[in-house]
Every structure is written in C-alpha cells, then in structure tokens.
Amino acid sequence: MTRSDLVEELAARFSQLTHRDAEFAVKAILDAMNDALVRGHRIEIRGFGSFSINHRPPRIGRNPRSGESVAIPEKRVPHFKPGKALREAVDQRTAQMQAKTKAS
C-alpha cells in the first residue's frame, strides 16, 4: 500500500472527509512520526507495532568491484517491530490463503 492508496482508503471509509482532508491527515501523521524518530523517540501503536531507532556502529566494509577496504560510518536507522496482534493477523491470513490455494 502506498501513501496515495492510504489517502484513497481514508477518503472512501470516512465520507465526511474530502480527499484533500484525508491527504492532510496522512501527511500530518507521517510528519509527526518522522519528527519523533529524528528526535530519537520510540513510537508505539498498540495492536500494530513499534518504531524505534537502531544504532549501527562504524565498520570496515569492502568494495565488491575492487575488493578495496572502505570505512563505513556509524548510522542511526529506523526499525519496525510488529505487534502481537499484527503478527497473528498476518499469520492467520497467510494460512487461510495457503489453504484456499491447496483446495483449488
């Protein structure tokens, strides 16, 4: 699902929202999440999952073309951990789809 798909879904589900309002709401939520992660905060959405920042220390890598050693600087990268409800829903839905495929 893309950002525009999410906007379309919101506008379709909530008839009182115009497409522009749904787009504004999605942008506001994503901007708030982005700002929180940039500040190093953790975001938890119950039943869905949590976003946090992982620290990757500096390391020495290799250029695959030349084999030359390359220093890779430390990084802070976003990390998503799905919640229990999401993991179970995905697992159940996948099992149902596999059962339908086998039955066909």
N, C-alpha and C. Protein backbone atom coordinates (compact mmCIF):
# COMPACT_ATOMS: atom_id res chain seq x y z
N MET A 1 0.85 -1.17 0.00
CA MET A 1 0.00 0.00 0.00
C MET A 1 0.89 1.23 0.00
N THR A 2 0.62 2.14 -0.88
CA THR A 2 1.38 3.38 -0.95
C THR A 2 0.66 4.48 -0.18
N ARG A 3 1.33 5.60 -0.05
CA ARG A 3 0.75 6.74 0.66
C ARG A 3 -0.56 7.18 -0.01
N SER A 4 -0.56 7.23 -1.34
CA SER A 4 -1.78 7.65 -2.05
C SER A 4 -2.89 6.62 -1.89
N ASP A 5 -2.54 5.33 -1.80
CA ASP A 5 -3.55 4.29 -1.54
C ASP A 5 -4.18 4.50 -0.16
N LEU A 6 -3.34 4.86 0.81
CA LEU A 6 -3.84 5.12 2.17
C LEU A 6 -4.79 6.31 2.18
N VAL A 7 -4.44 7.36 1.46
CA VAL A 7 -5.31 8.54 1.36
C VAL A 7 -6.64 8.15 0.73
N GLU A 8 -6.61 7.37 -0.35
CA GLU A 8 -7.84 6.93 -1.01
C GLU A 8 -8.70 6.09 -0.06
N GLU A 9 -8.07 5.19 0.68
CA GLU A 9 -8.79 4.33 1.63
C GLU A 9 -9.47 5.17 2.72
N LEU A 10 -8.75 6.13 3.26
CA LEU A 10 -9.34 7.01 4.29
C LEU A 10 -10.52 7.79 3.73
N ALA A 11 -10.35 8.38 2.55
CA ALA A 11 -11.43 9.16 1.95
C ALA A 11 -12.65 8.30 1.65
N ALA A 12 -12.42 7.03 1.26
CA ALA A 12 -13.53 6.13 0.96
C ALA A 12 -14.25 5.68 2.24
N ARG A 13 -13.49 5.41 3.30
CA ARG A 13 -14.09 4.93 4.55
C ARG A 13 -14.86 5.99 5.30
N PHE A 14 -14.35 7.22 5.25
CA PHE A 14 -14.97 8.31 6.00
C PHE A 14 -15.49 9.33 5.00
N SER A 15 -16.76 9.21 4.68
CA SER A 15 -17.36 10.05 3.64
C SER A 15 -17.34 11.54 4.00
N GLN A 16 -17.27 11.87 5.29
CA GLN A 16 -17.23 13.27 5.68
C GLN A 16 -15.87 13.91 5.39
N LEU A 17 -14.85 13.08 5.11
CA LEU A 17 -13.52 13.60 4.77
C LEU A 17 -13.40 13.79 3.26
N THR A 18 -12.94 14.94 2.87
CA THR A 18 -12.64 15.13 1.45
C THR A 18 -11.28 14.50 1.16
N HIS A 19 -10.98 14.33 -0.10
CA HIS A 19 -9.68 13.76 -0.48
C HIS A 19 -8.56 14.64 0.06
N ARG A 20 -8.73 15.95 0.00
CA ARG A 20 -7.71 16.88 0.49
C ARG A 20 -7.52 16.74 2.00
N ASP A 21 -8.63 16.59 2.75
CA ASP A 21 -8.54 16.42 4.20
C ASP A 21 -7.83 15.12 4.56
N ALA A 22 -8.16 14.04 3.84
CA ALA A 22 -7.52 12.75 4.10
C ALA A 22 -6.02 12.84 3.80
N GLU A 23 -5.67 13.52 2.73
CA GLU A 23 -4.26 13.70 2.37
C GLU A 23 -3.53 14.50 3.46
N PHE A 24 -4.18 15.54 3.96
CA PHE A 24 -3.60 16.36 5.02
C PHE A 24 -3.41 15.54 6.30
N ALA A 25 -4.40 14.71 6.63
CA ALA A 25 -4.32 13.88 7.85
C ALA A 25 -3.16 12.88 7.75
N VAL A 26 -3.04 12.21 6.61
CA VAL A 26 -1.95 11.24 6.43
C VAL A 26 -0.60 11.95 6.51
N LYS A 27 -0.49 13.10 5.87
CA LYS A 27 0.77 13.86 5.89
C LYS A 27 1.10 14.28 7.32
N ALA A 28 0.12 14.75 8.07
CA ALA A 28 0.35 15.20 9.44
C ALA A 28 0.83 14.05 10.32
N ILE A 29 0.22 12.88 10.18
CA ILE A 29 0.60 11.73 10.99
C ILE A 29 2.02 11.28 10.64
N LEU A 30 2.31 11.16 9.36
CA LEU A 30 3.64 10.72 8.94
C LEU A 30 4.72 11.73 9.33
N ASP A 31 4.41 13.02 9.23
CA ASP A 31 5.37 14.05 9.65
C ASP A 31 5.64 13.97 11.14
N ALA A 32 4.60 13.76 11.94
CA ALA A 32 4.77 13.65 13.39
C ALA A 32 5.62 12.42 13.74
N MET A 33 5.38 11.32 13.04
CA MET A 33 6.18 10.12 13.29
C MET A 33 7.63 10.35 12.89
N ASN A 34 7.83 11.00 11.75
CA ASN A 34 9.18 11.31 11.29
C ASN A 34 9.92 12.18 12.30
N ASP A 35 9.26 13.23 12.78
CA ASP A 35 9.88 14.14 13.74
C ASP A 35 10.24 13.41 15.04
N ALA A 36 9.36 12.53 15.50
CA ALA A 36 9.62 11.80 16.74
C ALA A 36 10.84 10.88 16.58
N LEU A 37 10.93 10.20 15.45
CA LEU A 37 12.07 9.31 15.23
C LEU A 37 13.37 10.10 15.08
N VAL A 38 13.32 11.25 14.43
CA VAL A 38 14.51 12.09 14.28
C VAL A 38 15.01 12.53 15.66
N ARG A 39 14.09 12.81 16.57
CA ARG A 39 14.48 13.21 17.94
C ARG A 39 14.92 12.03 18.78
N GLY A 40 14.82 10.81 18.24
CA GLY A 40 15.27 9.63 18.97
C GLY A 40 14.19 8.99 19.83
N HIS A 41 12.95 9.40 19.67
CA HIS A 41 11.85 8.84 20.45
C HIS A 41 11.38 7.52 19.84
N ARG A 42 10.67 6.75 20.64
CA ARG A 42 10.08 5.49 20.21
C ARG A 42 8.60 5.73 19.97
N ILE A 43 8.07 5.12 18.91
CA ILE A 43 6.64 5.26 18.59
C ILE A 43 6.00 3.89 18.76
N GLU A 44 4.94 3.83 19.54
CA GLU A 44 4.23 2.56 19.73
C GLU A 44 2.76 2.75 19.37
N ILE A 45 2.29 1.91 18.45
CA ILE A 45 0.88 1.91 18.07
C ILE A 45 0.32 0.55 18.48
N ARG A 46 -0.48 0.55 19.53
CA ARG A 46 -0.99 -0.71 20.09
C ARG A 46 -1.71 -1.53 19.03
N GLY A 47 -1.40 -2.82 19.00
CA GLY A 47 -2.04 -3.72 18.06
C GLY A 47 -1.40 -3.70 16.68
N PHE A 48 -0.51 -2.73 16.43
CA PHE A 48 0.14 -2.64 15.13
C PHE A 48 1.63 -2.91 15.25
N GLY A 49 2.32 -2.12 16.06
CA GLY A 49 3.75 -2.33 16.24
C GLY A 49 4.43 -1.09 16.77
N SER A 50 5.76 -1.15 16.81
CA SER A 50 6.51 -0.01 17.32
C SER A 50 7.68 0.30 16.39
N PHE A 51 7.98 1.58 16.34
CA PHE A 51 9.10 2.08 15.56
C PHE A 51 10.13 2.60 16.54
N SER A 52 11.38 2.29 16.30
CA SER A 52 12.45 2.81 17.15
C SER A 52 13.67 3.06 16.27
N ILE A 53 14.72 3.57 16.90
CA ILE A 53 15.96 3.84 16.19
C ILE A 53 17.01 2.83 16.64
N ASN A 54 17.65 2.17 15.69
CA ASN A 54 18.77 1.28 15.97
C ASN A 54 20.06 2.00 15.63
N HIS A 55 21.07 1.75 16.43
CA HIS A 55 22.39 2.34 16.19
C HIS A 55 23.28 1.29 15.56
N ARG A 56 23.86 1.63 14.41
CA ARG A 56 24.82 0.74 13.75
C ARG A 56 26.20 1.34 13.92
N PRO A 57 27.10 0.63 14.58
CA PRO A 57 28.44 1.19 14.81
C PRO A 57 29.25 1.27 13.51
N PRO A 58 30.32 2.07 13.52
CA PRO A 58 31.15 2.13 12.31
C PRO A 58 31.83 0.79 12.07
N ARG A 59 32.11 0.51 10.81
CA ARG A 59 32.75 -0.77 10.49
C ARG A 59 33.55 -0.62 9.20
N ILE A 60 34.31 -1.63 8.91
CA ILE A 60 35.08 -1.67 7.68
C ILE A 60 34.36 -2.62 6.72
N GLY A 61 34.05 -2.11 5.53
CA GLY A 61 33.39 -2.91 4.51
C GLY A 61 34.33 -3.09 3.32
N ARG A 62 33.86 -3.76 2.32
CA ARG A 62 34.66 -3.98 1.12
C ARG A 62 33.88 -3.52 -0.11
N ASN A 63 34.59 -2.87 -1.01
CA ASN A 63 34.02 -2.52 -2.29
C ASN A 63 33.97 -3.81 -3.11
N PRO A 64 32.77 -4.28 -3.50
CA PRO A 64 32.69 -5.58 -4.19
C PRO A 64 33.39 -5.59 -5.56
N ARG A 65 33.49 -4.44 -6.19
CA ARG A 65 34.10 -4.39 -7.51
C ARG A 65 35.62 -4.46 -7.43
N SER A 66 36.20 -3.67 -6.51
CA SER A 66 37.66 -3.61 -6.45
C SER A 66 38.26 -4.41 -5.30
N GLY A 67 37.45 -4.78 -4.31
CA GLY A 67 37.95 -5.50 -3.15
C GLY A 67 38.61 -4.58 -2.14
N GLU A 68 38.62 -3.29 -2.41
CA GLU A 68 39.25 -2.30 -1.55
C GLU A 68 38.46 -2.14 -0.26
N SER A 69 39.15 -1.96 0.87
CA SER A 69 38.50 -1.71 2.16
C SER A 69 37.93 -0.30 2.18
N VAL A 70 36.73 -0.19 2.74
CA VAL A 70 36.04 1.10 2.81
C VAL A 70 35.53 1.28 4.24
N ALA A 71 35.78 2.46 4.80
CA ALA A 71 35.27 2.76 6.14
C ALA A 71 33.81 3.18 6.03
N ILE A 72 32.95 2.48 6.75
CA ILE A 72 31.52 2.80 6.76
C ILE A 72 31.22 3.49 8.08
N PRO A 73 30.72 4.72 8.05
CA PRO A 73 30.48 5.46 9.30
C PRO A 73 29.29 4.89 10.08
N GLU A 74 29.21 5.29 11.35
CA GLU A 74 28.08 4.85 12.17
C GLU A 74 26.80 5.45 11.62
N LYS A 75 25.70 4.76 11.87
CA LYS A 75 24.39 5.20 11.37
C LYS A 75 23.34 4.98 12.44
N ARG A 76 22.29 5.80 12.35
CA ARG A 76 21.07 5.57 13.13
C ARG A 76 20.00 5.25 12.11
N VAL A 77 19.40 4.07 12.22
CA VAL A 77 18.41 3.64 11.23
C VAL A 77 17.09 3.30 11.92
N PRO A 78 15.95 3.60 11.25
CA PRO A 78 14.65 3.25 11.83
C PRO A 78 14.45 1.73 11.80
N HIS A 79 13.75 1.24 12.82
CA HIS A 79 13.47 -0.19 12.94
C HIS A 79 12.00 -0.35 13.32
N PHE A 80 11.32 -1.30 12.66
CA PHE A 80 9.91 -1.58 12.97
C PHE A 80 9.80 -2.97 13.56
N LYS A 81 9.09 -3.07 14.66
CA LYS A 81 8.82 -4.37 15.27
C LYS A 81 7.30 -4.53 15.31
N PRO A 82 6.76 -5.51 14.57
CA PRO A 82 5.30 -5.68 14.55
C PRO A 82 4.77 -6.12 15.91
N GLY A 83 3.57 -5.67 16.23
CA GLY A 83 2.91 -6.06 17.47
C GLY A 83 2.33 -7.46 17.35
N LYS A 84 1.96 -8.01 18.48
CA LYS A 84 1.45 -9.38 18.53
C LYS A 84 0.18 -9.53 17.68
N ALA A 85 -0.74 -8.58 17.77
CA ALA A 85 -1.99 -8.66 17.00
C ALA A 85 -1.72 -8.66 15.50
N LEU A 86 -0.78 -7.82 15.05
CA LEU A 86 -0.44 -7.77 13.63
C LEU A 86 0.21 -9.07 13.17
N ARG A 87 1.16 -9.57 13.96
CA ARG A 87 1.82 -10.84 13.61
C ARG A 87 0.81 -11.97 13.49
N GLU A 88 -0.10 -12.05 14.46
CA GLU A 88 -1.10 -13.13 14.43
C GLU A 88 -2.06 -12.97 13.26
N ALA A 89 -2.47 -11.74 12.96
CA ALA A 89 -3.39 -11.50 11.84
C ALA A 89 -2.74 -11.88 10.52
N VAL A 90 -1.49 -11.50 10.34
CA VAL A 90 -0.78 -11.84 9.10
C VAL A 90 -0.60 -13.34 8.99
N ASP A 91 -0.23 -13.99 10.09
CA ASP A 91 -0.04 -15.44 10.08
C ASP A 91 -1.35 -16.17 9.76
N GLN A 92 -2.43 -15.73 10.39
CA GLN A 92 -3.73 -16.36 10.16
C GLN A 92 -4.19 -16.15 8.72
N ARG A 93 -4.04 -14.94 8.21
CA ARG A 93 -4.47 -14.63 6.84
C ARG A 93 -3.64 -15.42 5.83
N THR A 94 -2.34 -15.54 6.08
CA THR A 94 -1.47 -16.30 5.19
C THR A 94 -1.86 -17.77 5.19
N ALA A 95 -2.17 -18.31 6.36
CA ALA A 95 -2.58 -19.72 6.46
C ALA A 95 -3.88 -19.95 5.70
N GLN A 96 -4.82 -19.00 5.81
CA GLN A 96 -6.09 -19.11 5.08
C GLN A 96 -5.88 -19.09 3.58
N MET A 97 -5.00 -18.22 3.12
CA MET A 97 -4.73 -18.11 1.68
C MET A 97 -4.05 -19.38 1.16
N GLN A 98 -3.16 -19.95 1.97
CA GLN A 98 -2.50 -21.19 1.56
C GLN A 98 -3.49 -22.34 1.51
N ALA A 99 -4.43 -22.36 2.47
CA ALA A 99 -5.44 -23.42 2.48
C ALA A 99 -6.34 -23.32 1.25
N LYS A 100 -6.70 -22.11 0.85
CA LYS A 100 -7.52 -21.92 -0.35
C LYS A 100 -6.76 -22.36 -1.59
N THR A 101 -5.47 -22.08 -1.64
CA THR A 101 -4.66 -22.46 -2.79
C THR A 101 -4.56 -23.98 -2.89
N LYS A 102 -4.39 -24.66 -1.78
CA LYS A 102 -4.29 -26.12 -1.78
C LYS A 102 -5.63 -26.76 -2.15
N ALA A 103 -6.74 -26.13 -1.74
CA ALA A 103 -8.05 -26.68 -2.02
C ALA A 103 -8.43 -26.55 -3.51
N SER A 104 -7.84 -25.58 -4.17
CA SER A 104 -8.17 -25.33 -5.59
C SER A 104 -7.60 -26.34 -6.52
